[in-house]
Amino acid sequence: MPLVCLHTAEVHRATFDGLRDRISPDTPIQHLVREDWLQRAQGGLDEALSSEVASVVKAAPGPVICTCTTLGEVAEAAGAIRIDRPMMHRAAENFGDILLVYCLRSTEQPSYDLLEHEMKAAGNPHKIAPLFLGQHWPLFEEGHPHAFARSVAMDIRNVVSQRSGIRAVVLAQASMAGAAMLLSDLNTPVLASPVLALKEGLARL
C-alpha cells in the first residue's frame, strides 16, 4: 500500500521523496499534484472544489497527506492527514506565545484556527502572533525556493530577536520548510510541517 501525497505545487514531490528516503526508504509514495486547486482556492473554497478534493482523498489507495494548508481542513474532513496538524500539536506544547508565519492570505485563517484549537487542547493560555510575509511569495512562485527560504528566515530572525515571549515559531506552509534549517541556531524552536506529517502518514500504513 502506498502513502499518497496530495500537493498543489510540484516542488513538494522532491521534498517528500527526500524525507522518505531518509526515514523509510522502502515505503512507496504516490504523488498527485494539482496546482489548479490552489489557484481556485485563493478566492475561497467553494462547494465544487471541496467536493473534488474529498473525492480524490476517498478514492486514494492508501493514507493521504494533504500538503496544502489552504485545502487542509477539507481534505482532513475526508480522511486525509492535514499536513500542519502534527506541527501545530507540537507547537502548542511550548508554553508561551507562538509566532505563526505564513505567505498566503488563504492560509491565515485555517492555520490560526488550528493552532488556537491545539493550544486550547494543550491548556496553553498564551497568544498567537501572526506574521504575514506575502512579499516573499513571488520568489517561490517563480521557482526560487532558496531565495524564498533565505528571505523568510531573515524576517523571522528579526522578529524573534526583537520580541520577547516567543517560545515557538510555526511555518504554516510546507513551502516554507527550507527556512527552518536556516534558523537552526535560534534558541526558539522553528517548526516545519513536512517531516512531522510524513511520520504521521507512515504510522497509518
N, C-alpha and C. Protein backbone atom coordinates (compact mmCIF):
# COMPACT_ATOMS: atom_id res chain seq x y z
N MET A 1 0.85 -1.20 0.00
CA MET A 1 0.00 0.00 0.00
C MET A 1 0.88 1.24 0.00
N PRO A 2 0.64 2.18 -0.91
CA PRO A 2 1.47 3.39 -0.94
C PRO A 2 0.95 4.46 0.02
N LEU A 3 1.84 5.37 0.35
CA LEU A 3 1.46 6.60 1.02
C LEU A 3 1.18 7.61 -0.09
N VAL A 4 0.06 8.28 -0.04
CA VAL A 4 -0.35 9.20 -1.11
C VAL A 4 -0.16 10.64 -0.63
N CYS A 5 0.55 11.43 -1.43
CA CYS A 5 0.75 12.84 -1.11
C CYS A 5 0.00 13.70 -2.12
N LEU A 6 -0.86 14.52 -1.61
CA LEU A 6 -1.67 15.42 -2.44
C LEU A 6 -1.08 16.82 -2.34
N HIS A 7 -0.54 17.31 -3.46
CA HIS A 7 0.18 18.58 -3.49
C HIS A 7 -0.53 19.61 -4.38
N THR A 8 -0.22 20.88 -4.11
CA THR A 8 -0.64 21.94 -5.04
C THR A 8 0.57 22.66 -5.62
N ALA A 9 1.76 22.09 -5.41
CA ALA A 9 2.99 22.62 -6.02
C ALA A 9 3.92 21.44 -6.31
N GLU A 10 4.48 21.42 -7.49
CA GLU A 10 5.34 20.31 -7.92
C GLU A 10 6.56 20.14 -7.03
N VAL A 11 7.07 21.23 -6.48
CA VAL A 11 8.29 21.19 -5.68
C VAL A 11 8.16 20.27 -4.47
N HIS A 12 6.94 20.06 -3.98
CA HIS A 12 6.77 19.23 -2.78
C HIS A 12 7.03 17.75 -3.06
N ARG A 13 6.96 17.35 -4.31
CA ARG A 13 7.26 15.96 -4.66
C ARG A 13 8.67 15.59 -4.19
N ALA A 14 9.65 16.43 -4.55
CA ALA A 14 11.04 16.17 -4.17
C ALA A 14 11.23 16.25 -2.66
N THR A 15 10.53 17.18 -2.02
CA THR A 15 10.64 17.31 -0.56
C THR A 15 10.25 16.02 0.14
N PHE A 16 9.12 15.46 -0.24
CA PHE A 16 8.62 14.26 0.44
C PHE A 16 9.38 13.01 0.02
N ASP A 17 9.84 12.95 -1.22
CA ASP A 17 10.68 11.82 -1.62
C ASP A 17 11.98 11.83 -0.82
N GLY A 18 12.56 13.01 -0.64
CA GLY A 18 13.79 13.13 0.11
C GLY A 18 13.63 12.73 1.57
N LEU A 19 12.53 13.17 2.18
CA LEU A 19 12.26 12.79 3.57
C LEU A 19 12.01 11.30 3.69
N ARG A 20 11.26 10.74 2.74
CA ARG A 20 11.00 9.30 2.73
C ARG A 20 12.29 8.51 2.65
N ASP A 21 13.21 8.96 1.78
CA ASP A 21 14.49 8.26 1.61
C ASP A 21 15.31 8.24 2.89
N ARG A 22 15.15 9.27 3.71
CA ARG A 22 15.87 9.34 4.98
C ARG A 22 15.19 8.54 6.08
N ILE A 23 13.87 8.54 6.09
CA ILE A 23 13.14 7.97 7.22
C ILE A 23 12.68 6.55 6.97
N SER A 24 12.16 6.27 5.77
CA SER A 24 11.59 4.95 5.46
C SER A 24 11.76 4.67 3.97
N PRO A 25 12.98 4.37 3.52
CA PRO A 25 13.28 4.29 2.09
C PRO A 25 12.50 3.23 1.31
N ASP A 26 11.97 2.23 2.00
CA ASP A 26 11.23 1.17 1.30
C ASP A 26 9.75 1.49 1.10
N THR A 27 9.30 2.63 1.63
CA THR A 27 7.89 2.98 1.53
C THR A 27 7.58 3.64 0.19
N PRO A 28 6.65 3.08 -0.59
CA PRO A 28 6.28 3.72 -1.85
C PRO A 28 5.41 4.95 -1.60
N ILE A 29 5.68 6.00 -2.36
CA ILE A 29 4.86 7.22 -2.28
C ILE A 29 4.26 7.49 -3.66
N GLN A 30 2.98 7.74 -3.66
CA GLN A 30 2.28 8.15 -4.89
C GLN A 30 1.93 9.62 -4.77
N HIS A 31 2.40 10.42 -5.74
CA HIS A 31 2.17 11.86 -5.68
C HIS A 31 1.06 12.28 -6.64
N LEU A 32 0.22 13.18 -6.17
CA LEU A 32 -0.79 13.79 -7.03
C LEU A 32 -0.64 15.30 -6.90
N VAL A 33 -0.30 15.96 -8.01
CA VAL A 33 -0.07 17.41 -7.99
C VAL A 33 -1.21 18.12 -8.72
N ARG A 34 -1.88 19.02 -8.00
CA ARG A 34 -2.98 19.79 -8.58
C ARG A 34 -2.76 21.27 -8.28
N GLU A 35 -1.92 21.91 -9.07
CA GLU A 35 -1.64 23.33 -8.87
C GLU A 35 -2.89 24.18 -9.08
N ASP A 36 -3.79 23.71 -9.92
CA ASP A 36 -5.02 24.47 -10.19
C ASP A 36 -5.91 24.59 -8.97
N TRP A 37 -5.82 23.62 -8.07
CA TRP A 37 -6.65 23.68 -6.87
C TRP A 37 -6.30 24.87 -5.99
N LEU A 38 -5.02 25.15 -5.82
CA LEU A 38 -4.62 26.30 -5.00
C LEU A 38 -5.05 27.59 -5.67
N GLN A 39 -4.90 27.65 -6.98
CA GLN A 39 -5.33 28.85 -7.71
C GLN A 39 -6.82 29.09 -7.51
N ARG A 40 -7.60 28.03 -7.59
CA ARG A 40 -9.05 28.16 -7.41
C ARG A 40 -9.40 28.53 -5.96
N ALA A 41 -8.62 28.02 -5.02
CA ALA A 41 -8.92 28.24 -3.60
C ALA A 41 -8.58 29.65 -3.13
N GLN A 42 -7.79 30.38 -3.91
CA GLN A 42 -7.43 31.73 -3.50
C GLN A 42 -8.65 32.62 -3.32
N GLY A 43 -9.69 32.35 -4.10
CA GLY A 43 -10.91 33.13 -3.99
C GLY A 43 -11.91 32.55 -3.00
N GLY A 44 -11.50 31.50 -2.29
CA GLY A 44 -12.39 30.86 -1.33
C GLY A 44 -12.73 29.44 -1.77
N LEU A 45 -12.91 28.57 -0.80
CA LEU A 45 -13.21 27.16 -1.08
C LEU A 45 -14.70 27.00 -1.34
N ASP A 46 -15.07 26.84 -2.60
CA ASP A 46 -16.49 26.65 -2.90
C ASP A 46 -16.85 25.17 -2.83
N GLU A 47 -18.12 24.88 -2.97
CA GLU A 47 -18.62 23.51 -2.81
C GLU A 47 -18.04 22.57 -3.86
N ALA A 48 -17.87 23.06 -5.08
CA ALA A 48 -17.37 22.22 -6.17
C ALA A 48 -15.94 21.78 -5.89
N LEU A 49 -15.09 22.70 -5.46
CA LEU A 49 -13.70 22.35 -5.18
C LEU A 49 -13.61 21.44 -3.96
N SER A 50 -14.38 21.74 -2.93
CA SER A 50 -14.37 20.90 -1.73
C SER A 50 -14.77 19.47 -2.07
N SER A 51 -15.78 19.33 -2.90
CA SER A 51 -16.24 18.00 -3.30
C SER A 51 -15.19 17.26 -4.11
N GLU A 52 -14.50 18.00 -4.97
CA GLU A 52 -13.46 17.41 -5.81
C GLU A 52 -12.30 16.89 -4.95
N VAL A 53 -11.87 17.69 -3.99
CA VAL A 53 -10.79 17.28 -3.09
C VAL A 53 -11.20 16.04 -2.29
N ALA A 54 -12.41 16.07 -1.74
CA ALA A 54 -12.89 14.95 -0.94
C ALA A 54 -12.96 13.66 -1.75
N SER A 55 -13.38 13.75 -2.99
CA SER A 55 -13.49 12.57 -3.85
C SER A 55 -12.12 11.93 -4.09
N VAL A 56 -11.13 12.78 -4.33
CA VAL A 56 -9.77 12.27 -4.56
C VAL A 56 -9.22 11.60 -3.31
N VAL A 57 -9.44 12.21 -2.16
CA VAL A 57 -8.95 11.64 -0.90
C VAL A 57 -9.58 10.28 -0.64
N LYS A 58 -10.88 10.20 -0.82
CA LYS A 58 -11.60 8.96 -0.53
C LYS A 58 -11.26 7.83 -1.50
N ALA A 59 -10.84 8.19 -2.72
CA ALA A 59 -10.52 7.18 -3.73
C ALA A 59 -9.07 6.73 -3.67
N ALA A 60 -8.27 7.33 -2.83
CA ALA A 60 -6.83 7.04 -2.78
C ALA A 60 -6.57 5.61 -2.30
N PRO A 61 -5.50 4.99 -2.81
CA PRO A 61 -5.19 3.60 -2.46
C PRO A 61 -4.46 3.43 -1.13
N GLY A 62 -4.21 4.51 -0.43
CA GLY A 62 -3.53 4.43 0.85
C GLY A 62 -3.75 5.71 1.64
N PRO A 63 -3.13 5.83 2.82
CA PRO A 63 -3.27 7.06 3.62
C PRO A 63 -2.82 8.27 2.81
N VAL A 64 -3.55 9.38 2.97
CA VAL A 64 -3.27 10.60 2.20
C VAL A 64 -2.75 11.70 3.12
N ILE A 65 -1.67 12.34 2.68
CA ILE A 65 -1.20 13.57 3.32
C ILE A 65 -1.53 14.71 2.38
N CYS A 66 -2.35 15.65 2.83
CA CYS A 66 -2.62 16.85 2.03
C CYS A 66 -1.59 17.90 2.43
N THR A 67 -0.70 18.24 1.49
CA THR A 67 0.40 19.14 1.80
C THR A 67 0.05 20.61 1.60
N CYS A 68 -1.18 20.89 1.23
CA CYS A 68 -1.62 22.27 1.02
C CYS A 68 -2.40 22.75 2.26
N THR A 69 -1.89 23.77 2.91
CA THR A 69 -2.54 24.28 4.12
C THR A 69 -3.93 24.84 3.82
N THR A 70 -4.08 25.49 2.70
CA THR A 70 -5.36 26.09 2.34
C THR A 70 -6.45 25.04 2.21
N LEU A 71 -6.10 23.87 1.66
CA LEU A 71 -7.07 22.79 1.45
C LEU A 71 -7.12 21.80 2.61
N GLY A 72 -6.29 22.04 3.63
CA GLY A 72 -6.13 21.05 4.69
C GLY A 72 -7.39 20.67 5.41
N GLU A 73 -8.23 21.63 5.75
CA GLU A 73 -9.44 21.35 6.52
C GLU A 73 -10.40 20.47 5.73
N VAL A 74 -10.57 20.78 4.44
CA VAL A 74 -11.46 19.98 3.59
C VAL A 74 -10.91 18.57 3.41
N ALA A 75 -9.61 18.46 3.17
CA ALA A 75 -9.00 17.15 2.97
C ALA A 75 -9.07 16.31 4.24
N GLU A 76 -8.85 16.94 5.38
CA GLU A 76 -8.89 16.23 6.66
C GLU A 76 -10.30 15.70 6.93
N ALA A 77 -11.30 16.49 6.60
CA ALA A 77 -12.68 16.06 6.81
C ALA A 77 -13.01 14.82 5.99
N ALA A 78 -12.28 14.63 4.87
CA ALA A 78 -12.50 13.47 4.01
C ALA A 78 -11.63 12.28 4.41
N GLY A 79 -10.79 12.48 5.44
CA GLY A 79 -9.97 11.37 5.93
C GLY A 79 -8.48 11.53 5.74
N ALA A 80 -8.03 12.62 5.14
CA ALA A 80 -6.60 12.82 4.91
C ALA A 80 -5.91 13.33 6.17
N ILE A 81 -4.60 13.21 6.17
CA ILE A 81 -3.78 13.83 7.21
C ILE A 81 -3.56 15.28 6.79
N ARG A 82 -3.94 16.17 7.61
CA ARG A 82 -3.71 17.60 7.36
C ARG A 82 -2.27 17.91 7.71
N ILE A 83 -1.48 18.35 6.75
CA ILE A 83 -0.04 18.43 6.92
C ILE A 83 0.38 19.23 8.15
N ASP A 84 -0.40 20.23 8.51
CA ASP A 84 0.04 21.09 9.60
C ASP A 84 -0.44 20.68 10.98
N ARG A 85 -1.32 19.69 11.09
CA ARG A 85 -1.84 19.34 12.42
C ARG A 85 -0.75 18.78 13.35
N PRO A 86 0.07 17.81 12.92
CA PRO A 86 1.12 17.33 13.83
C PRO A 86 2.05 18.45 14.28
N MET A 87 2.36 19.38 13.39
CA MET A 87 3.22 20.51 13.73
C MET A 87 2.55 21.43 14.74
N MET A 88 1.28 21.73 14.52
CA MET A 88 0.56 22.62 15.44
C MET A 88 0.43 21.98 16.82
N HIS A 89 0.24 20.67 16.83
CA HIS A 89 0.16 19.95 18.11
C HIS A 89 1.48 20.08 18.87
N ARG A 90 2.58 19.91 18.16
CA ARG A 90 3.90 20.03 18.78
C ARG A 90 4.14 21.46 19.27
N ALA A 91 3.76 22.43 18.46
CA ALA A 91 3.98 23.83 18.83
C ALA A 91 3.21 24.21 20.08
N ALA A 92 1.99 23.71 20.20
CA ALA A 92 1.13 24.06 21.33
C ALA A 92 1.70 23.62 22.66
N GLU A 93 2.59 22.64 22.63
CA GLU A 93 3.20 22.15 23.87
C GLU A 93 4.28 23.10 24.40
N ASN A 94 4.69 24.08 23.58
CA ASN A 94 5.66 25.08 24.02
C ASN A 94 4.90 26.23 24.68
N PHE A 95 4.91 26.28 26.00
CA PHE A 95 4.11 27.27 26.70
C PHE A 95 4.74 28.66 26.58
N GLY A 96 4.04 29.50 25.87
CA GLY A 96 4.48 30.85 25.58
C GLY A 96 3.83 31.28 24.29
N ASP A 97 4.08 32.50 23.87
CA ASP A 97 3.50 32.98 22.61
C ASP A 97 4.10 32.22 21.43
N ILE A 98 3.31 32.02 20.39
CA ILE A 98 3.74 31.28 19.21
C ILE A 98 3.65 32.19 18.00
N LEU A 99 4.75 32.30 17.27
CA LEU A 99 4.79 33.11 16.06
C LEU A 99 4.30 32.25 14.90
N LEU A 100 3.20 32.66 14.29
CA LEU A 100 2.60 31.94 13.18
C LEU A 100 2.95 32.67 11.88
N VAL A 101 3.80 32.04 11.06
CA VAL A 101 4.33 32.68 9.86
C VAL A 101 3.68 32.09 8.62
N TYR A 102 3.21 32.95 7.72
CA TYR A 102 2.54 32.48 6.51
C TYR A 102 2.73 33.49 5.39
N CYS A 103 2.56 33.01 4.14
CA CYS A 103 2.78 33.88 2.98
C CYS A 103 1.55 34.01 2.08
N LEU A 104 0.48 33.31 2.41
CA LEU A 104 -0.75 33.40 1.63
C LEU A 104 -1.90 33.76 2.56
N ARG A 105 -2.71 34.73 2.15
CA ARG A 105 -3.85 35.12 2.98
C ARG A 105 -4.84 33.97 3.15
N SER A 106 -4.93 33.10 2.13
CA SER A 106 -5.85 31.97 2.23
C SER A 106 -5.42 30.97 3.29
N THR A 107 -4.17 31.05 3.71
CA THR A 107 -3.63 30.17 4.75
C THR A 107 -3.91 30.70 6.15
N GLU A 108 -4.07 32.00 6.25
CA GLU A 108 -4.12 32.66 7.56
C GLU A 108 -5.18 32.07 8.50
N GLN A 109 -6.43 32.08 8.09
CA GLN A 109 -7.49 31.66 9.00
C GLN A 109 -7.45 30.18 9.33
N PRO A 110 -7.27 29.28 8.32
CA PRO A 110 -7.17 27.86 8.67
C PRO A 110 -6.03 27.55 9.64
N SER A 111 -4.89 28.19 9.43
CA SER A 111 -3.74 27.95 10.30
C SER A 111 -3.98 28.50 11.70
N TYR A 112 -4.52 29.71 11.76
CA TYR A 112 -4.79 30.33 13.07
C TYR A 112 -5.78 29.49 13.87
N ASP A 113 -6.85 29.09 13.20
CA ASP A 113 -7.89 28.32 13.89
C ASP A 113 -7.35 26.98 14.40
N LEU A 114 -6.54 26.32 13.59
CA LEU A 114 -5.99 25.02 14.00
C LEU A 114 -5.03 25.19 15.17
N LEU A 115 -4.15 26.18 15.10
CA LEU A 115 -3.21 26.40 16.20
C LEU A 115 -3.94 26.79 17.47
N GLU A 116 -4.95 27.62 17.34
CA GLU A 116 -5.73 28.02 18.51
C GLU A 116 -6.40 26.80 19.14
N HIS A 117 -6.94 25.92 18.31
CA HIS A 117 -7.58 24.69 18.82
C HIS A 117 -6.57 23.82 19.56
N GLU A 118 -5.39 23.64 18.99
CA GLU A 118 -4.37 22.79 19.62
C GLU A 118 -3.85 23.42 20.91
N MET A 119 -3.74 24.74 20.95
CA MET A 119 -3.29 25.41 22.18
C MET A 119 -4.31 25.26 23.30
N LYS A 120 -5.58 25.37 22.95
CA LYS A 120 -6.62 25.18 23.97
C LYS A 120 -6.61 23.75 24.48
N ALA A 121 -6.43 22.79 23.57
CA ALA A 121 -6.41 21.38 23.96
C ALA A 121 -5.22 21.08 24.87
N ALA A 122 -4.11 21.81 24.66
CA ALA A 122 -2.91 21.60 25.46
C ALA A 122 -2.92 22.42 26.75
N GLY A 123 -3.95 23.26 26.91
CA GLY A 123 -4.01 24.12 28.08
C GLY A 123 -3.00 25.25 28.03
N ASN A 124 -2.63 25.64 26.83
CA ASN A 124 -1.66 26.73 26.65
C ASN A 124 -2.42 28.05 26.55
N PRO A 125 -2.29 28.92 27.56
CA PRO A 125 -3.10 30.15 27.59
C PRO A 125 -2.48 31.34 26.85
N HIS A 126 -1.37 31.13 26.19
CA HIS A 126 -0.63 32.25 25.60
C HIS A 126 -1.18 32.66 24.24
N LYS A 127 -0.51 33.61 23.62
CA LYS A 127 -1.04 34.26 22.42
C LYS A 127 -0.41 33.71 21.13
N ILE A 128 -1.18 33.86 20.04
CA ILE A 128 -0.67 33.60 18.70
C ILE A 128 -0.30 34.94 18.09
N ALA A 129 0.93 35.04 17.59
CA ALA A 129 1.39 36.27 16.95
C ALA A 129 1.52 36.01 15.46
N PRO A 130 0.56 36.46 14.64
CA PRO A 130 0.63 36.22 13.19
C PRO A 130 1.71 37.08 12.53
N LEU A 131 2.43 36.49 11.57
CA LEU A 131 3.42 37.23 10.80
C LEU A 131 3.21 36.91 9.32
N PHE A 132 2.70 37.89 8.58
CA PHE A 132 2.43 37.71 7.16
C PHE A 132 3.64 38.15 6.35
N LEU A 133 4.16 37.23 5.52
CA LEU A 133 5.33 37.53 4.69
C LEU A 133 5.01 37.33 3.21
N GLY A 134 3.87 37.80 2.81
CA GLY A 134 3.42 37.63 1.44
C GLY A 134 4.32 38.28 0.40
N GLN A 135 5.12 39.25 0.83
CA GLN A 135 6.00 39.92 -0.12
C GLN A 135 7.05 38.97 -0.70
N HIS A 136 7.29 37.84 -0.01
CA HIS A 136 8.31 36.90 -0.48
C HIS A 136 7.72 35.78 -1.36
N TRP A 137 6.40 35.65 -1.39
CA TRP A 137 5.78 34.54 -2.10
C TRP A 137 6.12 34.49 -3.60
N PRO A 138 6.24 35.62 -4.28
CA PRO A 138 6.61 35.56 -5.70
C PRO A 138 7.92 34.80 -5.95
N LEU A 139 8.85 34.83 -5.01
CA LEU A 139 10.10 34.08 -5.17
C LEU A 139 9.82 32.59 -5.30
N PHE A 140 8.90 32.10 -4.49
CA PHE A 140 8.54 30.68 -4.55
C PHE A 140 7.82 30.37 -5.85
N GLU A 141 6.87 31.22 -6.20
CA GLU A 141 6.10 31.00 -7.41
C GLU A 141 6.97 31.04 -8.68
N GLU A 142 8.02 31.82 -8.64
CA GLU A 142 8.89 31.96 -9.81
C GLU A 142 10.02 30.92 -9.84
N GLY A 143 9.99 29.97 -8.89
CA GLY A 143 10.95 28.89 -8.91
C GLY A 143 12.28 29.20 -8.25
N HIS A 144 12.26 30.02 -7.20
CA HIS A 144 13.49 30.36 -6.48
C HIS A 144 13.35 29.97 -5.00
N PRO A 145 13.26 28.67 -4.70
CA PRO A 145 12.98 28.24 -3.33
C PRO A 145 14.07 28.63 -2.33
N HIS A 146 15.33 28.67 -2.75
CA HIS A 146 16.40 29.00 -1.82
C HIS A 146 16.36 30.48 -1.44
N ALA A 147 16.12 31.33 -2.42
CA ALA A 147 15.99 32.76 -2.13
C ALA A 147 14.75 33.01 -1.27
N PHE A 148 13.69 32.27 -1.55
CA PHE A 148 12.47 32.37 -0.75
C PHE A 148 12.76 32.01 0.70
N ALA A 149 13.44 30.89 0.92
CA ALA A 149 13.75 30.44 2.28
C ALA A 149 14.63 31.45 3.00
N ARG A 150 15.62 32.00 2.31
CA ARG A 150 16.52 32.98 2.94
C ARG A 150 15.76 34.24 3.35
N SER A 151 14.86 34.71 2.49
CA SER A 151 14.10 35.92 2.79
C SER A 151 13.17 35.71 3.99
N VAL A 152 12.49 34.57 3.99
CA VAL A 152 11.58 34.25 5.10
C VAL A 152 12.37 34.13 6.39
N ALA A 153 13.50 33.43 6.35
CA ALA A 153 14.31 33.22 7.55
C ALA A 153 14.83 34.55 8.11
N MET A 154 15.22 35.44 7.23
CA MET A 154 15.75 36.73 7.68
C MET A 154 14.70 37.53 8.45
N ASP A 155 13.49 37.55 7.93
CA ASP A 155 12.43 38.31 8.60
C ASP A 155 12.05 37.66 9.93
N ILE A 156 12.00 36.33 9.96
CA ILE A 156 11.69 35.65 11.22
C ILE A 156 12.76 35.93 12.26
N ARG A 157 14.01 35.86 11.85
CA ARG A 157 15.11 36.12 12.79
C ARG A 157 14.98 37.52 13.40
N ASN A 158 14.64 38.49 12.57
CA ASN A 158 14.50 39.87 13.06
C ASN A 158 13.37 39.98 14.08
N VAL A 159 12.24 39.35 13.79
CA VAL A 159 11.09 39.44 14.70
C VAL A 159 11.39 38.74 16.02
N VAL A 160 11.96 37.56 15.96
CA VAL A 160 12.26 36.81 17.19
C VAL A 160 13.26 37.56 18.06
N SER A 161 14.21 38.22 17.43
CA SER A 161 15.23 38.95 18.20
C SER A 161 14.66 40.20 18.87
N GLN A 162 13.59 40.74 18.29
CA GLN A 162 13.02 41.99 18.80
C GLN A 162 11.84 41.78 19.75
N ARG A 163 11.23 40.60 19.71
CA ARG A 163 10.02 40.38 20.50
C ARG A 163 10.26 39.31 21.55
N SER A 164 10.10 39.66 22.81
CA SER A 164 10.28 38.70 23.88
C SER A 164 9.00 37.87 24.05
N GLY A 165 9.14 36.69 24.62
CA GLY A 165 7.98 35.87 24.90
C GLY A 165 7.65 34.84 23.84
N ILE A 166 8.30 34.90 22.67
CA ILE A 166 8.05 33.90 21.63
C ILE A 166 8.73 32.60 22.03
N ARG A 167 7.97 31.54 22.16
CA ARG A 167 8.51 30.25 22.60
C ARG A 167 8.57 29.23 21.47
N ALA A 168 7.92 29.52 20.34
CA ALA A 168 7.99 28.63 19.18
C ALA A 168 7.60 29.43 17.95
N VAL A 169 8.16 29.00 16.81
CA VAL A 169 7.82 29.58 15.52
C VAL A 169 7.22 28.47 14.66
N VAL A 170 6.08 28.75 14.06
CA VAL A 170 5.41 27.79 13.20
C VAL A 170 5.44 28.30 11.77
N LEU A 171 5.98 27.48 10.86
CA LEU A 171 5.98 27.81 9.43
C LEU A 171 4.72 27.18 8.84
N ALA A 172 3.71 27.99 8.61
CA ALA A 172 2.38 27.48 8.31
C ALA A 172 2.31 26.69 7.01
N GLN A 173 3.16 27.02 6.04
CA GLN A 173 3.09 26.36 4.73
C GLN A 173 4.29 25.43 4.52
N ALA A 174 4.04 24.28 3.92
CA ALA A 174 5.12 23.32 3.66
C ALA A 174 6.22 23.94 2.81
N SER A 175 5.86 24.87 1.95
CA SER A 175 6.83 25.53 1.06
C SER A 175 7.86 26.34 1.84
N MET A 176 7.60 26.62 3.11
CA MET A 176 8.49 27.44 3.92
C MET A 176 9.51 26.60 4.69
N ALA A 177 9.47 25.29 4.55
CA ALA A 177 10.28 24.40 5.38
C ALA A 177 11.77 24.69 5.30
N GLY A 178 12.24 25.16 4.14
CA GLY A 178 13.66 25.46 3.99
C GLY A 178 14.15 26.51 4.96
N ALA A 179 13.27 27.39 5.40
CA ALA A 179 13.67 28.44 6.34
C ALA A 179 14.03 27.86 7.71
N ALA A 180 13.43 26.73 8.07
CA ALA A 180 13.69 26.13 9.38
C ALA A 180 15.17 25.76 9.52
N MET A 181 15.76 25.21 8.47
CA MET A 181 17.17 24.82 8.50
C MET A 181 18.08 26.03 8.67
N LEU A 182 17.67 27.16 8.13
CA LEU A 182 18.47 28.37 8.22
C LEU A 182 18.35 29.04 9.59
N LEU A 183 17.42 28.58 10.39
CA LEU A 183 17.18 29.16 11.72
C LEU A 183 17.48 28.17 12.84
N SER A 184 18.24 27.13 12.51
CA SER A 184 18.51 26.07 13.50
C SER A 184 19.36 26.56 14.67
N ASP A 185 20.00 27.71 14.52
CA ASP A 185 20.84 28.25 15.59
C ASP A 185 20.03 29.03 16.63
N LEU A 186 18.77 29.31 16.35
CA LEU A 186 17.95 30.06 17.30
C LEU A 186 17.66 29.23 18.54
N ASN A 187 17.54 29.90 19.67
CA ASN A 187 17.13 29.19 20.89
C ASN A 187 15.65 28.83 20.84
N THR A 188 14.89 29.54 20.02
CA THR A 188 13.46 29.28 19.85
C THR A 188 13.26 28.22 18.78
N PRO A 189 12.51 27.14 19.07
CA PRO A 189 12.29 26.11 18.04
C PRO A 189 11.48 26.65 16.87
N VAL A 190 11.92 26.30 15.66
CA VAL A 190 11.23 26.68 14.43
C VAL A 190 10.70 25.39 13.81
N LEU A 191 9.38 25.28 13.74
CA LEU A 191 8.75 24.03 13.33
C LEU A 191 8.23 24.10 11.90
N ALA A 192 8.56 23.08 11.11
CA ALA A 192 8.06 22.95 9.75
C ALA A 192 7.21 21.68 9.68
N SER A 193 6.27 21.65 8.75
CA SER A 193 5.27 20.58 8.75
C SER A 193 5.64 19.28 8.05
N PRO A 194 6.47 19.27 6.99
CA PRO A 194 6.61 18.04 6.20
C PRO A 194 7.06 16.80 6.97
N VAL A 195 8.13 16.90 7.76
CA VAL A 195 8.66 15.69 8.40
C VAL A 195 7.69 15.13 9.43
N LEU A 196 7.01 15.99 10.18
CA LEU A 196 6.05 15.51 11.18
C LEU A 196 4.84 14.87 10.52
N ALA A 197 4.39 15.44 9.41
CA ALA A 197 3.26 14.87 8.68
C ALA A 197 3.63 13.53 8.06
N LEU A 198 4.85 13.43 7.52
CA LEU A 198 5.28 12.15 6.93
C LEU A 198 5.32 11.05 7.98
N LYS A 199 5.81 11.37 9.15
CA LYS A 199 5.85 10.36 10.22
C LYS A 199 4.44 9.92 10.61
N GLU A 200 3.50 10.85 10.60
CA GLU A 200 2.10 10.50 10.88
C GLU A 200 1.57 9.59 9.79
N GLY A 201 1.89 9.88 8.54
CA GLY A 201 1.46 9.06 7.44
C GLY A 201 2.02 7.65 7.51
N LEU A 202 3.30 7.54 7.84
CA LEU A 202 3.93 6.23 7.96
C LEU A 202 3.29 5.42 9.08
N ALA A 203 2.88 6.10 10.14
CA ALA A 203 2.23 5.41 11.26
C ALA A 203 0.88 4.82 10.87
N ARG A 204 0.25 5.39 9.83
CA ARG A 204 -1.05 4.89 9.39
C ARG A 204 -0.96 3.74 8.41
N LEU A 205 0.22 3.50 7.87
CA LEU A 205 0.36 2.41 6.89
C LEU A 205 0.23 1.04 7.57
